[in-house]
Amino acid sequence: MPIKLGSKVPDFALPMTGAASWRLKDAAGTKLVLYFYPRDMTSGCTRESQDFRDLERAFRKVGTRIVGISRDSVASHDKFAAKESLPFP
């Protein structure tokens, strides 16, 4: 079901790197960039993640958090985040 721009997104929880979980409601009141990508370690997804990594400080300065979401396993995400030095879940 598509979500319309400006509509409220229902709460959801996902496993994340570092053996924790991430919930949308924990980001309430925060500007948030959710980026969805198909696979860890692929050229396009790696480049996209590197771009967000390189811009993370600028996003943080304006009070915006970044979260990347993929269907890959948490173990795969842990390797990907470590390899690319991603400072966000």
PDB file of N, CA and C in Angstrom:
ATOM      1  N   MET A   1       0.842  -1.173   0.000  1.00  0.00           N
ATOM      2  CA  MET A   1       0.000   0.000   0.000  1.00  0.00           C
ATOM      3  C   MET A   1       0.891   1.242   0.000  1.00  0.00           C
ATOM      4  N   PRO A   2       0.797   2.075  -1.013  1.00  0.00           N
ATOM      5  CA  PRO A   2       1.611   3.298  -1.066  1.00  0.00           C
ATOM      6  C   PRO A   2       1.199   4.284   0.031  1.00  0.00           C
ATOM      7  N   ILE A   3       2.170   5.033   0.473  1.00  0.00           N
ATOM      8  CA  ILE A   3       1.927   6.068   1.474  1.00  0.00           C
ATOM      9  C   ILE A   3       2.006   7.406   0.768  1.00  0.00           C
ATOM     10  N   LYS A   4       1.007   8.229   0.967  1.00  0.00           N
ATOM     11  CA  LYS A   4       0.953   9.528   0.305  1.00  0.00           C
ATOM     12  C   LYS A   4       1.832  10.543   1.029  1.00  0.00           C
ATOM     13  N   LEU A   5       2.436  11.412   0.270  1.00  0.00           N
ATOM     14  CA  LEU A   5       3.264  12.479   0.815  1.00  0.00           C
ATOM     15  C   LEU A   5       2.464  13.263   1.851  1.00  0.00           C
ATOM     16  N   GLY A   6       3.052  13.453   3.009  1.00  0.00           N
ATOM     17  CA  GLY A   6       2.423  14.218   4.075  1.00  0.00           C
ATOM     18  C   GLY A   6       1.534  13.402   4.992  1.00  0.00           C
ATOM     19  N   SER A   7       1.325  12.131   4.653  1.00  0.00           N
ATOM     20  CA  SER A   7       0.483  11.303   5.517  1.00  0.00           C
ATOM     21  C   SER A   7       1.308  10.694   6.642  1.00  0.00           C
ATOM     22  N   LYS A   8       0.636  10.288   7.709  1.00  0.00           N
ATOM     23  CA  LYS A   8       1.313   9.676   8.843  1.00  0.00           C
ATOM     24  C   LYS A   8       1.629   8.217   8.515  1.00  0.00           C
ATOM     25  N   VAL A   9       2.856   7.817   8.772  1.00  0.00           N
ATOM     26  CA  VAL A   9       3.298   6.445   8.516  1.00  0.00           C
ATOM     27  C   VAL A   9       3.035   5.620   9.767  1.00  0.00           C
ATOM     28  N   PRO A  10       2.436   4.434   9.615  1.00  0.00           N
ATOM     29  CA  PRO A  10       2.217   3.598  10.800  1.00  0.00           C
ATOM     30  C   PRO A  10       3.544   3.151  11.406  1.00  0.00           C
ATOM     31  N   ASP A  11       3.563   2.967  12.715  1.00  0.00           N
ATOM     32  CA  ASP A  11       4.774   2.527  13.399  1.00  0.00           C
ATOM     33  C   ASP A  11       5.201   1.153  12.891  1.00  0.00           C
ATOM     34  N   PHE A  12       6.506   0.937  12.859  1.00  0.00           N
ATOM     35  CA  PHE A  12       7.055  -0.373  12.516  1.00  0.00           C
ATOM     36  C   PHE A  12       8.387  -0.530  13.225  1.00  0.00           C
ATOM     37  N   ALA A  13       8.817  -1.782  13.370  1.00  0.00           N
ATOM     38  CA  ALA A  13      10.103  -2.084  13.997  1.00  0.00           C
ATOM     39  C   ALA A  13      10.874  -3.008  13.077  1.00  0.00           C
ATOM     40  N   LEU A  14      12.199  -2.830  13.041  1.00  0.00           N
ATOM     41  CA  LEU A  14      13.081  -3.651  12.217  1.00  0.00           C
ATOM     42  C   LEU A  14      14.334  -4.007  13.008  1.00  0.00           C
ATOM     43  N   PRO A  15      14.879  -5.210  12.773  1.00  0.00           N
ATOM     44  CA  PRO A  15      16.187  -5.507  13.371  1.00  0.00           C
ATOM     45  C   PRO A  15      17.228  -4.613  12.713  1.00  0.00           C
ATOM     46  N   MET A  16      18.256  -4.241  13.476  1.00  0.00           N
ATOM     47  CA  MET A  16      19.284  -3.381  12.889  1.00  0.00           C
ATOM     48  C   MET A  16      20.675  -3.845  13.297  1.00  0.00           C
ATOM     49  N   THR A  17      21.657  -3.226  12.704  1.00  0.00           N
ATOM     50  CA  THR A  17      23.044  -3.559  12.988  1.00  0.00           C
ATOM     51  C   THR A  17      23.326  -3.399  14.470  1.00  0.00           C
ATOM     52  N   GLY A  18      24.295  -4.152  14.947  1.00  0.00           N
ATOM     53  CA  GLY A  18      24.667  -4.068  16.353  1.00  0.00           C
ATOM     54  C   GLY A  18      23.737  -4.841  17.271  1.00  0.00           C
ATOM     55  N   ALA A  19      22.950  -5.786  16.721  1.00  0.00           N
ATOM     56  CA  ALA A  19      22.047  -6.650  17.500  1.00  0.00           C
ATOM     57  C   ALA A  19      20.974  -5.868  18.244  1.00  0.00           C
ATOM     58  N   ALA A  20      20.534  -4.787  17.706  1.00  0.00           N
ATOM     59  CA  ALA A  20      19.473  -3.981  18.314  1.00  0.00           C
ATOM     60  C   ALA A  20      18.264  -3.989  17.381  1.00  0.00           C
ATOM     61  N   SER A  21      17.238  -3.247  17.753  1.00  0.00           N
ATOM     62  CA  SER A  21      16.117  -3.063  16.840  1.00  0.00           C
ATOM     63  C   SER A  21      15.830  -1.567  16.744  1.00  0.00           C
ATOM     64  N   TRP A  22      15.192  -1.189  15.658  1.00  0.00           N
ATOM     65  CA  TRP A  22      14.886   0.214  15.398  1.00  0.00           C
ATOM     66  C   TRP A  22      13.382   0.340  15.221  1.00  0.00           C
ATOM     67  N   ARG A  23      12.788   1.311  15.899  1.00  0.00           N
ATOM     68  CA  ARG A  23      11.348   1.557  15.775  1.00  0.00           C
ATOM     69  C   ARG A  23      11.122   2.968  15.267  1.00  0.00           C
ATOM     70  N   LEU A  24      10.182   3.097  14.378  1.00  0.00           N
ATOM     71  CA  LEU A  24       9.843   4.408  13.840  1.00  0.00           C
ATOM     72  C   LEU A  24       9.405   5.351  14.957  1.00  0.00           C
ATOM     73  N   LYS A  25       8.625   4.859  15.912  1.00  0.00           N
ATOM     74  CA  LYS A  25       8.121   5.746  16.972  1.00  0.00           C
ATOM     75  C   LYS A  25       9.246   6.342  17.814  1.00  0.00           C
ATOM     76  N   ASP A  26      10.413   5.685  17.844  1.00  0.00           N
ATOM     77  CA  ASP A  26      11.549   6.228  18.589  1.00  0.00           C
ATOM     78  C   ASP A  26      12.135   7.473  17.924  1.00  0.00           C
ATOM     79  N   ALA A  27      11.775   7.701  16.665  1.00  0.00           N
ATOM     80  CA  ALA A  27      12.245   8.878  15.940  1.00  0.00           C
ATOM     81  C   ALA A  27      11.185   9.977  15.896  1.00  0.00           C
ATOM     82  N   ALA A  28      10.105   9.810  16.646  1.00  0.00           N
ATOM     83  CA  ALA A  28       9.021  10.801  16.648  1.00  0.00           C
ATOM     84  C   ALA A  28       9.567  12.186  16.985  1.00  0.00           C
ATOM     85  N   GLY A  29       9.126  13.171  16.229  1.00  0.00           N
ATOM     86  CA  GLY A  29       9.563  14.544  16.443  1.00  0.00           C
ATOM     87  C   GLY A  29      10.891  14.873  15.812  1.00  0.00           C
ATOM     88  N   THR A  30      11.472  13.916  15.106  1.00  0.00           N
ATOM     89  CA  THR A  30      12.769  14.100  14.452  1.00  0.00           C
ATOM     90  C   THR A  30      12.585  14.060  12.944  1.00  0.00           C
ATOM     91  N   LYS A  31      13.298  14.921  12.245  1.00  0.00           N
ATOM     92  CA  LYS A  31      13.318  14.809  10.784  1.00  0.00           C
ATOM     93  C   LYS A  31      14.066  13.525  10.450  1.00  0.00           C
ATOM     94  N   LEU A  32      13.570  12.812   9.466  1.00  0.00           N
ATOM     95  CA  LEU A  32      14.102  11.491   9.197  1.00  0.00           C
ATOM     96  C   LEU A  32      14.185  11.237   7.691  1.00  0.00           C
ATOM     97  N   VAL A  33      15.320  10.711   7.254  1.00  0.00           N
ATOM     98  CA  VAL A  33      15.475  10.229   5.884  1.00  0.00           C
ATOM     99  C   VAL A  33      15.540   8.707   5.960  1.00  0.00           C
ATOM    100  N   LEU A  34      14.556   8.033   5.384  1.00  0.00           N
ATOM    101  CA  LEU A  34      14.588   6.590   5.245  1.00  0.00           C
ATOM    102  C   LEU A  34      14.955   6.313   3.796  1.00  0.00           C
ATOM    103  N   TYR A  35      16.060   5.618   3.589  1.00  0.00           N
ATOM    104  CA  TYR A  35      16.371   5.242   2.215  1.00  0.00           C
ATOM    105  C   TYR A  35      16.349   3.730   2.106  1.00  0.00           C
ATOM    106  N   PHE A  36      15.708   3.264   1.066  1.00  0.00           N
ATOM    107  CA  PHE A  36      15.522   1.838   0.832  1.00  0.00           C
ATOM    108  C   PHE A  36      16.438   1.416  -0.305  1.00  0.00           C
ATOM    109  N   TYR A  37      17.128   0.312  -0.113  1.00  0.00           N
ATOM    110  CA  TYR A  37      18.026  -0.188  -1.150  1.00  0.00           C
ATOM    111  C   TYR A  37      17.911  -1.708  -1.228  1.00  0.00           C
ATOM    112  N   PRO A  38      18.106  -2.288  -2.420  1.00  0.00           N
ATOM    113  CA  PRO A  38      17.853  -3.723  -2.598  1.00  0.00           C
ATOM    114  C   PRO A  38      18.887  -4.668  -1.985  1.00  0.00           C
ATOM    115  N   ARG A  39      20.179  -4.348  -2.057  1.00  0.00           N
ATOM    116  CA  ARG A  39      21.202  -5.320  -1.612  1.00  0.00           C
ATOM    117  C   ARG A  39      22.434  -4.627  -1.063  1.00  0.00           C
ATOM    118  N   ASP A  40      22.972  -5.183   0.019  1.00  0.00           N
ATOM    119  CA  ASP A  40      24.266  -4.741   0.531  1.00  0.00           C
ATOM    120  C   ASP A  40      25.352  -5.125  -0.473  1.00  0.00           C
ATOM    121  N   MET A  41      26.411  -4.356  -0.505  1.00  0.00           N
ATOM    122  CA  MET A  41      27.628  -4.662  -1.267  1.00  0.00           C
ATOM    123  C   MET A  41      27.483  -4.620  -2.793  1.00  0.00           C
ATOM    124  N   THR A  42      26.379  -4.115  -3.313  1.00  0.00           N
ATOM    125  CA  THR A  42      26.269  -3.961  -4.765  1.00  0.00           C
ATOM    126  C   THR A  42      26.730  -2.555  -5.131  1.00  0.00           C
ATOM    127  N   SER A  43      27.135  -2.369  -6.361  1.00  0.00           N
ATOM    128  CA  SER A  43      27.749  -1.090  -6.747  1.00  0.00           C
ATOM    129  C   SER A  43      26.823   0.106  -6.534  1.00  0.00           C
ATOM    130  N   GLY A  44      25.595   0.026  -6.999  1.00  0.00           N
ATOM    131  CA  GLY A  44      24.670   1.155  -6.864  1.00  0.00           C
ATOM    132  C   GLY A  44      24.294   1.427  -5.418  1.00  0.00           C
ATOM    133  N   CYS A  45      24.022   0.364  -4.662  1.00  0.00           N
ATOM    134  CA  CYS A  45      23.632   0.523  -3.259  1.00  0.00           C
ATOM    135  C   CYS A  45      24.806   1.009  -2.417  1.00  0.00           C
ATOM    136  N   THR A  46      25.999   0.554  -2.749  1.00  0.00           N
ATOM    137  CA  THR A  46      27.192   1.016  -2.041  1.00  0.00           C
ATOM    138  C   THR A  46      27.389   2.504  -2.285  1.00  0.00           C
ATOM    139  N   ARG A  47      27.266   2.935  -3.531  1.00  0.00           N
ATOM    140  CA  ARG A  47      27.448   4.357  -3.865  1.00  0.00           C
ATOM    141  C   ARG A  47      26.409   5.217  -3.140  1.00  0.00           C
ATOM    142  N   GLU A  48      25.154   4.751  -3.138  1.00  0.00           N
ATOM    143  CA  GLU A  48      24.084   5.495  -2.453  1.00  0.00           C
ATOM    144  C   GLU A  48      24.394   5.624  -0.960  1.00  0.00           C
ATOM    145  N   SER A  49      24.816   4.538  -0.344  1.00  0.00           N
ATOM    146  CA  SER A  49      25.143   4.556   1.083  1.00  0.00           C
ATOM    147  C   SER A  49      26.341   5.449   1.365  1.00  0.00           C
ATOM    148  N   GLN A  50      27.338   5.425   0.489  1.00  0.00           N
ATOM    149  CA  GLN A  50      28.503   6.297   0.650  1.00  0.00           C
ATOM    150  C   GLN A  50      28.096   7.763   0.554  1.00  0.00           C
ATOM    151  N   ASP A  51      27.184   8.073  -0.359  1.00  0.00           N
ATOM    152  CA  ASP A  51      26.712   9.457  -0.484  1.00  0.00           C
ATOM    153  C   ASP A  51      26.017   9.904   0.805  1.00  0.00           C
ATOM    154  N   PHE A  52      25.134   9.059   1.352  1.00  0.00           N
ATOM    155  CA  PHE A  52      24.482   9.407   2.616  1.00  0.00           C
ATOM    156  C   PHE A  52      25.509   9.508   3.739  1.00  0.00           C
ATOM    157  N   ARG A  53      26.493   8.610   3.771  1.00  0.00           N
ATOM    158  CA  ARG A  53      27.560   8.668   4.780  1.00  0.00           C
ATOM    159  C   ARG A  53      28.299  10.007   4.682  1.00  0.00           C
ATOM    160  N   ASP A  54      28.647  10.398   3.474  1.00  0.00           N
ATOM    161  CA  ASP A  54      29.419  11.622   3.277  1.00  0.00           C
ATOM    162  C   ASP A  54      28.617  12.880   3.608  1.00  0.00           C
ATOM    163  N   LEU A  55      27.301  12.796   3.531  1.00  0.00           N
ATOM    164  CA  LEU A  55      26.437  13.940   3.825  1.00  0.00           C
ATOM    165  C   LEU A  55      25.830  13.892   5.228  1.00  0.00           C
ATOM    166  N   GLU A  56      26.133  12.842   5.989  1.00  0.00           N
ATOM    167  CA  GLU A  56      25.511  12.642   7.296  1.00  0.00           C
ATOM    168  C   GLU A  56      25.713  13.820   8.233  1.00  0.00           C
ATOM    169  N   ARG A  57      26.888  14.381   8.251  1.00  0.00           N
ATOM    170  CA  ARG A  57      27.160  15.522   9.141  1.00  0.00           C
ATOM    171  C   ARG A  57      26.256  16.712   8.790  1.00  0.00           C
ATOM    172  N   ALA A  58      26.065  16.985   7.511  1.00  0.00           N
ATOM    173  CA  ALA A  58      25.193  18.090   7.085  1.00  0.00           C
ATOM    174  C   ALA A  58      23.738  17.812   7.477  1.00  0.00           C
ATOM    175  N   PHE A  59      23.297  16.565   7.314  1.00  0.00           N
ATOM    176  CA  PHE A  59      21.947  16.201   7.741  1.00  0.00           C
ATOM    177  C   PHE A  59      21.797  16.382   9.253  1.00  0.00           C
ATOM    178  N   ARG A  60      22.789  15.919  10.002  1.00  0.00           N
ATOM    179  CA  ARG A  60      22.746  16.020  11.461  1.00  0.00           C
ATOM    180  C   ARG A  60      22.681  17.481  11.902  1.00  0.00           C
ATOM    181  N   LYS A  61      23.403  18.365  11.205  1.00  0.00           N
ATOM    182  CA  LYS A  61      23.412  19.801  11.548  1.00  0.00           C
ATOM    183  C   LYS A  61      22.022  20.414  11.487  1.00  0.00           C
ATOM    184  N   VAL A  62      21.169  19.884  10.600  1.00  0.00           N
ATOM    185  CA  VAL A  62      19.807  20.409  10.485  1.00  0.00           C
ATOM    186  C   VAL A  62      18.799  19.500  11.197  1.00  0.00           C
ATOM    187  N   GLY A  63      19.308  18.674  12.121  1.00  0.00           N
ATOM    188  CA  GLY A  63      18.441  17.854  12.960  1.00  0.00           C
ATOM    189  C   GLY A  63      17.770  16.693  12.255  1.00  0.00           C
ATOM    190  N   THR A  64      18.425  16.142  11.242  1.00  0.00           N
ATOM    191  CA  THR A  64      17.847  15.050  10.459  1.00  0.00           C
ATOM    192  C   THR A  64      18.673  13.786  10.619  1.00  0.00           C
ATOM    193  N   ARG A  65      17.992  12.676  10.915  1.00  0.00           N
ATOM    194  CA  ARG A  65      18.646  11.374  11.044  1.00  0.00           C
ATOM    195  C   ARG A  65      18.471  10.586   9.748  1.00  0.00           C
ATOM    196  N   ILE A  66      19.411   9.690   9.477  1.00  0.00           N
ATOM    197  CA  ILE A  66      19.381   8.836   8.287  1.00  0.00           C
ATOM    198  C   ILE A  66      19.272   7.387   8.729  1.00  0.00           C
ATOM    199  N   VAL A  67      18.411   6.628   8.046  1.00  0.00           N
ATOM    200  CA  VAL A  67      18.275   5.193   8.293  1.00  0.00           C
ATOM    201  C   VAL A  67      18.183   4.499   6.939  1.00  0.00           C
ATOM    202  N   GLY A  68      19.054   3.497   6.720  1.00  0.00           N
ATOM    203  CA  GLY A  68      19.017   2.699   5.493  1.00  0.00           C
ATOM    204  C   GLY A  68      18.290   1.387   5.744  1.00  0.00           C
ATOM    205  N   ILE A  69      17.430   0.993   4.804  1.00  0.00           N
ATOM    206  CA  ILE A  69      16.630  -0.217   4.967  1.00  0.00           C
ATOM    207  C   ILE A  69      16.785  -1.113   3.746  1.00  0.00           C
ATOM    208  N   SER A  70      17.066  -2.391   4.002  1.00  0.00           N
ATOM    209  CA  SER A  70      17.224  -3.396   2.956  1.00  0.00           C
ATOM    210  C   SER A  70      16.678  -4.723   3.469  1.00  0.00           C
ATOM    211  N   ARG A  71      16.420  -5.651   2.564  1.00  0.00           N
ATOM    212  CA  ARG A  71      15.921  -6.979   2.953  1.00  0.00           C
ATOM    213  C   ARG A  71      17.036  -7.943   3.344  1.00  0.00           C
ATOM    214  N   ASP A  72      18.289  -7.538   3.197  1.00  0.00           N
ATOM    215  CA  ASP A  72      19.396  -8.429   3.537  1.00  0.00           C
ATOM    216  C   ASP A  72      19.410  -8.734   5.037  1.00  0.00           C
ATOM    217  N   SER A  73      20.163  -9.737   5.428  1.00  0.00           N
ATOM    218  CA  SER A  73      20.249 -10.135   6.834  1.00  0.00           C
ATOM    219  C   SER A  73      20.994  -9.088   7.661  1.00  0.00           C
ATOM    220  N   VAL A  74      20.780  -9.134   8.957  1.00  0.00           N
ATOM    221  CA  VAL A  74      21.489  -8.224   9.862  1.00  0.00           C
ATOM    222  C   VAL A  74      22.989  -8.484   9.779  1.00  0.00           C
ATOM    223  N   ALA A  75      23.407  -9.745   9.655  1.00  0.00           N
ATOM    224  CA  ALA A  75      24.836 -10.069   9.528  1.00  0.00           C
ATOM    225  C   ALA A  75      25.424  -9.394   8.285  1.00  0.00           C
ATOM    226  N   SER A  76      24.675  -9.409   7.191  1.00  0.00           N
ATOM    227  CA  SER A  76      25.134  -8.748   5.968  1.00  0.00           C
ATOM    228  C   SER A  76      25.227  -7.236   6.181  1.00  0.00           C
ATOM    229  N   HIS A  77      24.212  -6.662   6.846  1.00  0.00           N
ATOM    230  CA  HIS A  77      24.231  -5.218   7.137  1.00  0.00           C
ATOM    231  C   HIS A  77      25.416  -4.853   8.017  1.00  0.00           C
ATOM    232  N   ASP A  78      25.704  -5.693   9.032  1.00  0.00           N
ATOM    233  CA  ASP A  78      26.836  -5.417   9.919  1.00  0.00           C
ATOM    234  C   ASP A  78      28.136  -5.340   9.122  1.00  0.00           C
ATOM    235  N   LYS A  79      28.350  -6.285   8.217  1.00  0.00           N
ATOM    236  CA  LYS A  79      29.562  -6.278   7.380  1.00  0.00           C
ATOM    237  C   LYS A  79      29.600  -5.046   6.486  1.00  0.00           C
ATOM    238  N   PHE A  80      28.463  -4.747   5.864  1.00  0.00           N
ATOM    239  CA  PHE A  80      28.362  -3.608   4.950  1.00  0.00           C
ATOM    240  C   PHE A  80      28.629  -2.299   5.691  1.00  0.00           C
ATOM    241  N   ALA A  81      27.988  -2.117   6.849  1.00  0.00           N
ATOM    242  CA  ALA A  81      28.162  -0.888   7.632  1.00  0.00           C
ATOM    243  C   ALA A  81      29.606  -0.723   8.081  1.00  0.00           C
ATOM    244  N   ALA A  82      30.237  -1.818   8.492  1.00  0.00           N
ATOM    245  CA  ALA A  82      31.638  -1.751   8.923  1.00  0.00           C
ATOM    246  C   ALA A  82      32.552  -1.436   7.753  1.00  0.00           C
ATOM    247  N   LYS A  83      32.346  -2.119   6.635  1.00  0.00           N
ATOM    248  CA  LYS A  83      33.198  -1.922   5.456  1.00  0.00           C
ATOM    249  C   LYS A  83      33.104  -0.482   4.938  1.00  0.00           C
ATOM    250  N   GLU A  84      31.910   0.092   4.954  1.00  0.00           N
ATOM    251  CA  GLU A  84      31.692   1.433   4.400  1.00  0.00           C
ATOM    252  C   GLU A  84      31.708   2.534   5.450  1.00  0.00           C
ATOM    253  N   SER A  85      31.990   2.185   6.711  1.00  0.00           N
ATOM    254  CA  SER A  85      32.011   3.156   7.820  1.00  0.00           C
ATOM    255  C   SER A  85      30.728   3.983   7.879  1.00  0.00           C
ATOM    256  N   LEU A  86      29.604   3.295   7.856  1.00  0.00           N
ATOM    257  CA  LEU A  86      28.318   3.996   7.879  1.00  0.00           C
ATOM    258  C   LEU A  86      27.989   4.417   9.313  1.00  0.00           C
ATOM    259  N   PRO A  87      27.767   5.715   9.548  1.00  0.00           N
ATOM    260  CA  PRO A  87      27.533   6.206  10.909  1.00  0.00           C
ATOM    261  C   PRO A  87      26.047   6.211  11.298  1.00  0.00           C
ATOM    262  N   PHE A  88      25.229   5.446  10.605  1.00  0.00           N
ATOM    263  CA  PHE A  88      23.797   5.405  10.866  1.00  0.00           C
ATOM    264  C   PHE A  88      23.309   3.970  10.706  1.00  0.00           C
ATOM    265  N   PRO A  89      22.152   3.650  11.304  1.00  0.00           N
ATOM    266  CA  PRO A  89      21.635   2.269  11.178  1.00  0.00           C
ATOM    267  C   PRO A  89      21.083   1.984   9.788  1.00  0.00           C
TER     268      PRO A  89
END
